[in-house]
Protein backbone atom coordinates (compact mmCIF):
# COMPACT_ATOMS: atom_id res chain seq x y z
CA MET A 1 97.69 118.84 89.56
CA MET A 2 98.57 119.69 86.07
CA LEU A 3 101.65 117.65 86.60
CA LEU A 4 101.71 114.64 88.91
CA VAL A 5 98.07 113.40 86.94
CA PRO A 6 100.28 112.83 83.50
CA THR A 7 103.09 111.48 85.44
CA ILE A 8 101.04 108.88 86.95
CA ALA A 9 99.49 108.30 83.91
CA ILE A 10 102.44 107.30 82.13
CA LEU A 11 103.43 105.00 84.58
CA VAL A 12 100.46 103.56 84.87
CA LEU A 13 100.42 103.18 80.91
CA TYR A 14 103.88 101.48 81.12
CA PHE A 15 103.34 98.95 83.91
CA TYR A 16 100.13 98.27 81.56
CA PHE A 17 102.10 97.37 78.80
CA TYR A 18 105.19 96.18 80.17
CA GLY A 19 104.57 95.10 84.06
CA ILE A 20 107.25 94.84 86.67
CA GLU A 21 109.46 93.02 84.10
CA GLY A 22 110.27 95.55 82.09
CA LEU A 23 111.76 97.87 84.55
CA ASN A 24 115.12 98.65 83.92
CA PHE A 25 117.98 101.10 84.62
CA HIS A 26 116.84 104.34 82.99
CA VAL A 27 112.89 104.03 84.02
CA ILE A 28 113.90 103.50 87.94
CA SER A 29 116.22 106.44 87.72
CA ALA A 30 113.71 108.47 85.55
CA VAL A 31 111.16 108.14 88.56
CA VAL A 32 113.59 109.27 90.98
CA VAL A 33 114.90 112.03 89.03
CA MET A 34 111.39 113.19 88.53
CA ALA A 35 109.73 112.43 92.28
CA MET A 36 112.30 114.75 93.03
CA TYR A 37 111.45 117.58 89.95
CA LEU A 38 107.49 116.64 91.92
CA LEU A 39 108.78 117.96 95.42
CA LEU A 40 110.41 120.70 94.83
CA PHE A 41 107.49 121.61 91.98
CA TYR A 42 104.96 121.54 94.62
CA ILE A 43 106.71 121.84 97.99
CA ALA A 44 108.26 125.25 97.01
CA SER A 45 105.99 126.77 94.37
CA PRO A 46 105.98 130.25 94.37
CA SER A 47 102.64 131.98 95.19
CA GLY A 48 100.93 133.55 92.71
CA LEU A 49 103.04 132.75 89.52
CA GLN A 50 101.06 131.14 86.78
CA TYR A 51 101.86 128.31 84.68
CA SER A 52 99.25 127.58 82.52
CA GLY A 53 99.33 129.37 78.97
CA SER A 54 102.52 130.93 79.52
CA LYS A 55 106.05 130.35 78.22
CA MET A 56 106.87 129.19 81.78
CA GLY A 57 104.27 126.58 81.82
CA GLY A 58 106.19 124.97 78.69
CA LEU A 59 109.37 124.89 80.13
CA TYR A 60 107.89 123.53 84.02
CA ILE A 61 104.94 121.06 82.94
CA CYS A 62 105.37 119.84 79.04
CA LEU A 63 109.02 119.75 78.90
CA PRO A 64 109.36 117.30 82.15
CA VAL A 65 106.59 115.54 81.07
CA LEU A 66 107.51 114.95 77.49
CA SER A 67 111.06 113.88 78.47
CA PHE A 68 109.58 111.84 81.23
CA GLY A 69 108.01 110.14 78.49
CA ALA A 70 110.47 109.89 76.22
CA LEU A 71 112.68 107.93 79.20
CA VAL A 72 110.01 105.72 80.17
CA PHE A 73 108.98 104.64 76.50
CA ALA A 74 112.49 104.42 74.85
CA ASP A 75 112.75 101.09 74.42
CA THR A 76 109.19 100.29 72.65
CA ASP A 77 111.74 99.28 69.63
CA GLU A 78 114.12 96.63 70.83
CA ASN A 79 115.70 96.66 66.82
CA SER A 80 116.40 99.92 66.24
CA HIS A 81 119.41 101.01 68.82
CA GLU A 82 119.98 103.99 67.04
CA GLN A 83 116.28 105.13 68.14
CA LYS A 84 116.34 104.25 71.78
CA TRP A 85 119.63 106.44 72.74
CA CYS A 86 118.23 109.39 70.63
CA PHE A 87 115.14 109.10 73.25
CA VAL A 88 116.69 108.52 76.22
CA LEU A 89 119.60 111.28 75.03
CA GLY A 90 116.78 114.00 74.59
CA GLY A 91 114.81 112.17 77.55
CA TRP A 92 117.24 112.97 79.69
CA PHE A 93 118.67 116.30 78.63
CA GLY A 94 115.27 117.60 78.83
CA LEU A 95 114.65 116.18 82.45
CA LEU A 96 117.61 117.54 83.99
CA THR A 97 117.54 120.89 82.10
CA ALA A 98 113.78 121.77 83.73
CA LEU A 99 115.26 120.44 86.60
CA SER A 100 118.39 122.66 86.54
CA PHE A 101 115.99 125.67 85.58
CA LEU A 102 113.78 124.65 88.54
CA VAL A 103 116.46 124.62 91.22
CA PHE A 104 117.99 127.95 89.54
CA PHE A 105 115.03 129.50 89.58
CA LYS A 106 113.63 128.22 93.43
CA PHE A 107 116.93 129.31 94.59
CA TYR A 108 118.19 132.26 93.51
CA TYR A 109 115.40 133.70 92.01
CA TRP A 110 111.94 133.85 93.51
C-alpha cells in the first residue's frame, strides 16, 4: 500500500490540475511503466522482506514514486524546455533503474 497510495495521489493531482486534455506521450508511457512496476512489486513480492526504513525501501518505494512524479509533472513550465527535459530524462532514468533492479532481484536473487 505504501507504493500504491502515492501513485494514485499523483495521478489524481495530475487530472485535477490538467484534466484529460493534458495527457501526452510521456504521461501515458509513465503510467504504463509504473503499472508494470506495481504489478511486479505486489504480485511477486518476496515474503518477509521489510522495505520501510531501509535502503531497499528507498530504492523500491521512494525512487519510483519520485521518478513517476517527475515524469507526470514535467510540463509544468512551458517556457523552459531545458528544465522539462531534465525532469523527463531524470524521471525515466529513475523509473527504469528501479524497474530493472526489481526485475533482476525478483528473477535472480529472491
